[in-house]
């Protein structure tokens, strides 16, 4: 277990927030998991700079690195990169990915886990996997780190020279913004050769990038909290074997997706009803009533037409988010968040 000073700041848990993308994978709290302890010290040696296909695919690299770490895949750098290319080719073949385009993190981790579960788990004789999307200070994140897992995170901050010297400790506004980048976090104690930062307890985090043995890509962070929502996203991603799923997480995902679809249908029915011909109005009203009776978690009847219409838009954005290309997903998420705040719409 990590020492006391490495614990996450419990007093500030409620202050952590992020855009709510409302995909059906955004669950985790309330579902029971038995996170395994990693007892080996295999460190991913993957290098994103070894192939032209790698330039915009950090979302794939960090997820593959987690699988390497999780299952003790003691491979050479060349082997790891060769398999990474297999992931790319597989996703392109499936029509999931276009080389050179960036990927939204939920999209990428979804397809990397599908690639593993459909093909490669058999080749390595390992388990199938699932993933969790969690706030960085969730107890599940700390438990995973205490058990020597890595967690994937996203930053849009350029730590630049501090990064090269190996230690990040300035305030967030002292750094410049940069393009989105996905990489992994772990406890400093996980590093094989301790440094004075780790031994003195000044560094809470170790950040491992997708560029093995390249200067400026692996570094310590004194305090991650001061960067959260200042260009470090509050959500992190954790890939786990299916045996860690004590409760029925897959059923929970299906339930959430189904409820989103129901809310979207009800919203459309109720906002369009009065512009329908009279015979269709009764069908629309009866259908909405039936759905509310069958799904007790559905939103209640809204009488204010403005709020009703705004809720309809938010529900449709939330449901259709997962079907959109990445460039639209961010717009959907931002608009849904803004409208929830402006119209006081509950999720």
Protein backbone atom coordinates (compact mmCIF):
# COMPACT_ATOMS: atom_id res chain seq x y z
CA UNK A 1 0.00 0.00 0.00
CA UNK A 2 1.12 3.56 -0.57
CA UNK A 3 2.18 5.71 2.35
CA UNK A 4 -0.24 8.19 3.92
CA UNK A 5 1.10 11.19 2.02
CA UNK A 6 0.32 9.49 -1.30
CA UNK A 7 -3.43 9.35 -0.63
CA UNK A 8 -5.80 11.44 -2.74
CA UNK A 9 -7.15 14.66 -1.17
CA UNK A 10 -10.47 13.46 0.25
CA UNK A 11 -11.56 16.93 1.33
CA UNK A 12 -11.73 18.07 -2.30
CA UNK A 13 -13.51 15.12 -3.91
CA UNK A 14 -16.69 17.10 -4.57
CA UNK A 15 -14.76 19.80 -6.41
CA UNK A 16 -13.64 17.46 -9.19
CA UNK A 17 -15.74 17.74 -12.31
CA UNK A 18 -15.52 17.21 -16.04
CA UNK A 19 -17.75 17.46 -19.06
CA UNK A 20 -20.40 14.77 -18.79
CA UNK A 21 -20.23 12.82 -22.02
CA UNK A 22 -22.99 10.48 -20.87
CA UNK A 23 -21.84 7.38 -22.69
CA UNK A 24 -23.09 4.10 -21.28
CA UNK A 25 -19.57 3.24 -20.14
CA UNK A 26 -19.50 6.14 -17.68
CA UNK A 27 -20.34 4.02 -14.67
CA UNK A 28 -18.36 2.34 -11.94
CA UNK A 29 -19.55 3.66 -8.61
CA UNK A 30 -22.10 1.34 -7.04
CA UNK A 31 -20.88 -1.71 -8.97
CA UNK A 32 -18.66 -4.13 -7.04
CA UNK A 33 -15.21 -5.04 -8.38
CA UNK A 34 -12.41 -7.24 -7.12
CA UNK A 35 -9.36 -5.51 -8.58
CA UNK A 36 -6.44 -7.97 -8.81
CA UNK A 37 -3.00 -7.12 -7.49
CA UNK A 38 -0.26 -6.99 -10.11
CA UNK A 39 2.73 -8.87 -8.76
CA UNK A 40 5.18 -8.46 -11.64
CA UNK A 41 7.03 -5.37 -12.79
CA UNK A 42 6.70 -5.50 -16.55
CA UNK A 43 6.96 -1.99 -17.92
CA UNK A 44 5.51 -1.31 -21.39
CA UNK A 45 8.26 -0.51 -23.87
CA UNK A 46 5.94 0.68 -26.62
CA UNK A 47 7.10 3.68 -28.68
CA UNK A 48 4.60 5.86 -30.52
CA UNK A 49 7.36 7.44 -32.60
CA UNK A 50 8.36 4.32 -34.50
CA UNK A 51 5.73 4.46 -37.24
CA UNK A 52 3.91 7.12 -39.26
CA UNK A 53 0.59 5.54 -38.34
CA UNK A 54 1.31 6.45 -34.71
CA UNK A 55 1.08 10.22 -34.95
CA UNK A 56 -2.52 10.66 -33.84
CA UNK A 57 -3.09 7.38 -32.05
CA UNK A 58 -2.07 8.00 -28.43
CA UNK A 59 -5.61 6.95 -27.47
CA UNK A 60 -4.75 3.45 -28.70
CA UNK A 61 -1.23 3.37 -27.29
CA UNK A 62 -2.13 4.05 -23.65
CA UNK A 63 -4.81 1.34 -23.71
CA UNK A 64 -2.44 -1.22 -25.24
CA UNK A 65 0.16 -0.27 -22.62
CA UNK A 66 -2.35 -1.03 -19.87
CA UNK A 67 -3.00 -4.46 -21.35
CA UNK A 68 0.76 -5.14 -21.47
CA UNK A 69 1.08 -4.18 -17.82
CA UNK A 70 -2.10 -5.98 -16.72
CA UNK A 71 -1.26 -9.37 -18.23
CA UNK A 72 2.54 -9.43 -17.83
CA UNK A 73 3.18 -9.45 -21.56
CA UNK A 74 6.97 -9.40 -21.42
CA UNK A 75 7.55 -8.42 -25.05
CA UNK A 76 10.28 -6.54 -26.86
CA UNK A 77 9.64 -3.00 -28.02
CA UNK A 78 9.47 -4.22 -31.61
CA UNK A 79 6.92 -6.91 -30.67
CA UNK A 80 4.78 -4.42 -28.76
CA UNK A 81 4.79 -1.99 -31.67
CA UNK A 82 4.04 -4.73 -34.17
CA UNK A 83 0.95 -5.72 -32.19
CA UNK A 84 -0.03 -2.07 -31.91
CA UNK A 85 -0.02 -1.90 -35.73
CA UNK A 86 -2.29 -4.92 -35.72
CA UNK A 87 -4.74 -2.97 -33.54
CA UNK A 88 -4.67 -0.07 -36.00
CA UNK A 89 -5.19 -2.30 -39.03
CA UNK A 90 -8.01 -4.16 -37.30
CA UNK A 91 -9.84 -0.93 -36.40
CA UNK A 92 -9.38 0.46 -39.92
CA UNK A 93 -10.68 -2.77 -41.42
CA UNK A 94 -13.75 -2.60 -39.18
CA UNK A 95 -14.36 0.99 -40.24
CA UNK A 96 -13.77 2.26 -36.71
CA UNK A 97 -10.66 4.33 -37.33
CA UNK A 98 -9.09 6.48 -40.02
CA UNK A 99 -5.29 6.79 -39.89
CA UNK A 100 -4.17 10.33 -39.07
CA UNK A 101 -7.33 11.30 -37.22
CA UNK A 102 -7.43 11.74 -33.47
CA UNK A 103 -9.78 9.61 -31.42
CA UNK A 104 -12.00 10.48 -28.52
CA UNK A 105 -10.81 8.44 -25.51
CA UNK A 106 -14.10 6.54 -24.84
CA UNK A 107 -14.21 5.55 -28.52
CA UNK A 108 -10.63 4.30 -28.58
CA UNK A 109 -10.73 2.29 -25.37
CA UNK A 110 -14.00 0.72 -26.48
CA UNK A 111 -12.46 -0.52 -29.73
CA UNK A 112 -9.15 -1.60 -28.21
CA UNK A 113 -11.00 -3.76 -25.71
CA UNK A 114 -13.15 -5.16 -28.53
CA UNK A 115 -9.99 -6.00 -30.49
CA UNK A 116 -8.58 -7.80 -27.45
CA UNK A 117 -11.80 -9.63 -26.65
CA UNK A 118 -12.44 -10.75 -30.22
CA UNK A 119 -8.92 -11.90 -31.17
CA UNK A 120 -5.87 -11.40 -29.02
CA UNK A 121 -6.93 -12.71 -25.62
CA UNK A 122 -6.85 -16.18 -27.20
CA UNK A 123 -3.40 -15.65 -28.69
CA UNK A 124 -1.96 -14.82 -25.25
CA UNK A 125 -4.21 -17.28 -23.39
CA UNK A 126 -5.52 -14.51 -21.12
CA UNK A 127 -8.89 -13.23 -19.99
CA UNK A 128 -11.26 -10.93 -21.78
CA UNK A 129 -11.37 -7.40 -20.40
CA UNK A 130 -13.67 -4.45 -19.72
CA UNK A 131 -12.95 -0.85 -18.81
CA UNK A 132 -14.10 1.75 -16.32
CA UNK A 133 -14.34 5.51 -16.76
CA UNK A 134 -13.89 7.11 -13.33
CA UNK A 135 -13.21 10.44 -11.70
CA UNK A 136 -9.50 10.56 -10.88
CA UNK A 137 -10.14 10.63 -7.11
CA UNK A 138 -12.56 7.71 -7.07
CA UNK A 139 -11.67 5.12 -4.41
CA UNK A 140 -11.46 2.59 -7.25
CA UNK A 141 -8.64 4.57 -8.84
CA UNK A 142 -6.64 4.63 -5.62
CA UNK A 143 -7.26 0.91 -5.09
CA UNK A 144 -6.04 0.15 -8.61
CA UNK A 145 -2.90 2.23 -8.12
CA UNK A 146 -2.26 0.63 -4.73
CA UNK A 147 -2.44 -2.73 -6.50
CA UNK A 148 0.16 -1.55 -9.04
CA UNK A 149 -2.09 -0.89 -12.03
CA UNK A 150 -1.69 2.01 -14.41
CA UNK A 151 -4.58 4.37 -15.17
CA UNK A 152 -4.99 6.26 -18.43
CA UNK A 153 -5.42 10.02 -18.35
CA UNK A 154 -5.69 12.96 -20.75
CA UNK A 155 -3.78 16.21 -20.58
CA UNK A 156 -3.76 19.39 -22.63
CA UNK A 157 -0.93 20.98 -20.66
CA UNK A 158 2.66 21.20 -21.86
CA UNK A 159 5.00 20.44 -18.98
CA UNK A 160 7.93 21.10 -21.31
CA UNK A 161 11.29 21.62 -19.55
CA UNK A 162 10.14 20.34 -16.18
CA UNK A 163 9.19 17.20 -18.01
CA UNK A 164 12.70 16.83 -19.44
CA UNK A 165 14.24 17.26 -15.99
CA UNK A 166 11.83 14.66 -14.70
CA UNK A 167 9.80 16.56 -12.12
CA UNK A 168 6.63 18.66 -12.49
CA UNK A 169 5.84 20.99 -9.58
CA UNK A 170 4.76 24.45 -10.83
CA UNK A 171 1.22 25.83 -10.83
CA UNK A 172 -0.96 25.03 -13.82
CA UNK A 173 -1.08 28.60 -15.10
CA UNK A 174 2.71 28.62 -15.40
CA UNK A 175 2.52 26.12 -18.26
CA UNK A 176 1.19 26.50 -21.78
CA UNK A 177 -1.62 24.53 -23.31
CA UNK A 178 -0.89 21.92 -25.95
CA UNK A 179 -2.79 19.37 -28.01
CA UNK A 180 -4.70 16.56 -26.34
CA UNK A 181 -2.53 13.66 -25.31
CA UNK A 182 -3.32 10.37 -23.58
CA UNK A 183 -0.86 8.55 -21.33
CA UNK A 184 -0.76 6.59 -18.06
CA UNK A 185 -0.29 7.33 -14.36
CA UNK A 186 1.07 5.11 -11.61
CA UNK A 187 2.52 5.42 -8.12
CA UNK A 188 6.23 6.37 -7.97
CA UNK A 189 6.98 3.23 -5.92
CA UNK A 190 6.21 1.19 -9.03
CA UNK A 191 9.43 2.42 -10.64
CA UNK A 192 12.17 -0.21 -10.40
CA UNK A 193 14.97 2.26 -9.62
CA UNK A 194 13.88 4.77 -6.99
CA UNK A 195 14.83 8.43 -7.34
CA UNK A 196 15.21 11.00 -4.59
CA UNK A 197 11.72 12.34 -5.42
CA UNK A 198 10.15 8.98 -4.73
CA UNK A 199 12.24 8.18 -1.65
CA UNK A 200 11.58 11.58 -0.05
CA UNK A 201 7.85 11.31 -0.71
CA UNK A 202 7.64 14.57 -2.66
CA UNK A 203 6.24 12.97 -5.81
CA UNK A 204 2.73 11.56 -5.70
CA UNK A 205 2.55 10.40 -9.31
CA UNK A 206 4.68 8.89 -12.03
CA UNK A 207 3.59 9.60 -15.60
CA UNK A 208 4.53 7.11 -18.29
CA UNK A 209 4.14 8.23 -21.87
CA UNK A 210 3.92 6.24 -25.10
CA UNK A 211 7.50 7.00 -26.13
CA UNK A 212 9.77 4.48 -24.44
CA UNK A 213 13.21 5.79 -23.41
CA UNK A 214 12.65 9.19 -24.99
CA UNK A 215 13.70 12.24 -22.96
CA UNK A 216 10.79 14.17 -21.52
CA UNK A 217 8.17 11.48 -21.68
CA UNK A 218 8.42 9.78 -18.28
CA UNK A 219 8.34 12.08 -15.27
CA UNK A 220 7.15 12.64 -11.70
CA UNK A 221 4.31 14.96 -10.70
CA UNK A 222 4.47 16.46 -7.23
CA UNK A 223 0.73 17.20 -6.92
CA UNK A 224 -1.75 16.20 -9.62
CA UNK A 225 -4.68 17.95 -7.94
CA UNK A 226 -3.65 21.48 -8.95
CA UNK A 227 -3.78 20.49 -12.65
CA UNK A 228 -7.17 18.75 -12.62
CA UNK A 229 -9.59 20.72 -14.81
CA UNK A 230 -6.73 23.07 -15.59
CA UNK A 231 -5.79 21.11 -18.68
CA UNK A 232 -5.73 17.66 -17.08
CA UNK A 233 -9.08 15.91 -17.47
CA UNK A 234 -10.81 14.74 -14.30
CA UNK A 235 -11.75 11.36 -15.77
CA UNK A 236 -9.33 8.45 -16.00
CA UNK A 237 -9.65 5.00 -17.56
CA UNK A 238 -8.88 1.61 -16.08
CA UNK A 239 -8.81 -1.69 -17.98
CA UNK A 240 -9.52 -4.81 -15.91
CA UNK A 241 -9.95 -8.55 -16.54
CA UNK A 242 -13.51 -9.88 -16.58
CA UNK A 243 -12.81 -11.86 -13.40
CA UNK A 244 -12.66 -8.50 -11.57
CA UNK A 245 -16.33 -7.94 -12.30
CA UNK A 246 -18.16 -9.16 -9.22
CA UNK A 247 -21.43 -7.44 -10.01
CA UNK A 248 -23.12 -7.42 -13.39
CA UNK A 249 -21.44 -4.38 -14.91
CA UNK A 250 -22.42 -5.37 -18.44
CA UNK A 251 -26.07 -5.45 -17.41
CA UNK A 252 -25.64 -2.01 -15.86
CA UNK A 253 -24.25 -0.66 -19.14
CA UNK A 254 -27.20 -2.12 -21.02
CA UNK A 255 -29.65 -0.65 -18.51
CA UNK A 256 -28.14 2.83 -18.81
CA UNK A 257 -28.13 2.68 -22.62
CA UNK A 258 -31.73 1.51 -22.66
CA UNK A 259 -32.85 4.28 -20.30
CA UNK A 260 -31.13 6.89 -22.49
CA UNK A 261 -33.01 5.58 -25.50
CA UNK A 262 -36.32 5.71 -23.61
CA UNK A 263 -35.70 9.28 -22.44
CA UNK A 264 -34.87 10.33 -25.99
CA UNK A 265 -38.07 8.76 -27.36
CA UNK A 266 -40.25 10.32 -24.64
CA UNK A 267 -38.66 13.71 -25.22
CA UNK A 268 -39.36 13.55 -28.94
CA UNK A 269 -42.94 12.36 -28.44
CA UNK A 270 -43.84 15.07 -25.93
CA UNK A 271 -42.24 18.01 -27.75
CA UNK A 272 -43.66 17.18 -31.18
CA UNK A 273 -47.10 16.03 -30.10
CA UNK A 274 -49.03 19.28 -30.65
CA UNK A 275 -47.87 19.66 -34.23
CA UNK A 276 -49.14 16.20 -35.14
CA UNK A 277 -52.60 15.53 -36.58
CA UNK A 278 -55.22 14.76 -33.93
CA UNK A 279 -55.26 11.01 -34.56
CA UNK A 280 -51.49 10.84 -34.03
CA UNK A 281 -51.53 12.95 -30.86
CA UNK A 282 -53.34 10.22 -28.92
CA UNK A 283 -50.90 7.56 -30.16
CA UNK A 284 -47.98 9.76 -29.17
CA UNK A 285 -49.38 10.50 -25.70
CA UNK A 286 -50.27 6.85 -25.04
CA UNK A 287 -46.81 5.68 -26.11
CA UNK A 288 -45.06 8.22 -23.85
CA UNK A 289 -47.32 7.25 -20.94
CA UNK A 290 -46.62 3.55 -21.48
CA UNK A 291 -42.85 4.13 -21.52
CA UNK A 292 -43.01 6.12 -18.28
CA UNK A 293 -44.99 3.31 -16.65
CA UNK A 294 -42.51 0.68 -17.78
CA UNK A 295 -39.37 2.71 -16.91
CA UNK A 296 -39.71 4.25 -13.46
CA UNK A 297 -36.41 6.17 -13.85
CA UNK A 298 -37.76 8.17 -16.79
CA UNK A 299 -37.93 11.94 -16.47
CA UNK A 300 -41.25 13.26 -15.08
CA UNK A 301 -43.81 15.18 -17.13
CA UNK A 302 -42.65 18.74 -17.85
CA UNK A 303 -45.28 21.44 -18.40
CA UNK A 304 -43.04 24.37 -19.27
CA UNK A 305 -42.58 24.20 -23.05
CA UNK A 306 -39.16 25.85 -23.01
CA UNK A 307 -37.80 23.46 -20.39
CA UNK A 308 -39.50 20.57 -22.16
CA UNK A 309 -37.87 21.48 -25.47
CA UNK A 310 -34.45 22.04 -23.89
CA UNK A 311 -34.69 18.69 -22.11
CA UNK A 312 -35.58 17.04 -25.41
CA UNK A 313 -32.47 18.44 -27.06
CA UNK A 314 -30.23 17.36 -24.15
CA UNK A 315 -31.69 13.84 -24.11
CA UNK A 316 -31.15 13.45 -27.85
CA UNK A 317 -27.58 14.76 -27.60
CA UNK A 318 -26.89 12.35 -24.76
CA UNK A 319 -28.28 9.36 -26.60
CA UNK A 320 -26.81 10.10 -30.03
CA UNK A 321 -23.37 11.08 -28.72
CA UNK A 322 -21.94 7.59 -29.10
CA UNK A 323 -22.88 7.38 -32.79
CA UNK A 324 -21.11 10.60 -33.78
CA UNK A 325 -17.58 11.08 -35.18
CA UNK A 326 -15.16 12.49 -32.64
CA UNK A 327 -15.29 16.07 -33.91
CA UNK A 328 -19.03 16.17 -33.16
CA UNK A 329 -18.84 14.32 -29.84
CA UNK A 330 -17.11 17.22 -28.10
CA UNK A 331 -19.68 19.67 -29.50
CA UNK A 332 -22.54 17.44 -28.34
CA UNK A 333 -21.00 17.14 -24.88
CA UNK A 334 -20.34 20.86 -24.49
CA UNK A 335 -23.82 21.84 -25.68
CA UNK A 336 -25.51 19.29 -23.41
CA UNK A 337 -23.47 20.51 -20.43
CA UNK A 338 -24.26 24.17 -21.16
CA UNK A 339 -27.98 23.51 -21.56
CA UNK A 340 -28.16 21.43 -18.37
CA UNK A 341 -26.67 24.35 -16.47
CA UNK A 342 -28.74 27.08 -18.18
CA UNK A 343 -32.06 25.27 -17.84
CA UNK A 344 -31.33 23.43 -14.59
CA UNK A 345 -31.91 20.05 -16.24
CA UNK A 346 -31.20 16.96 -14.16
CA UNK A 347 -29.50 13.96 -15.74
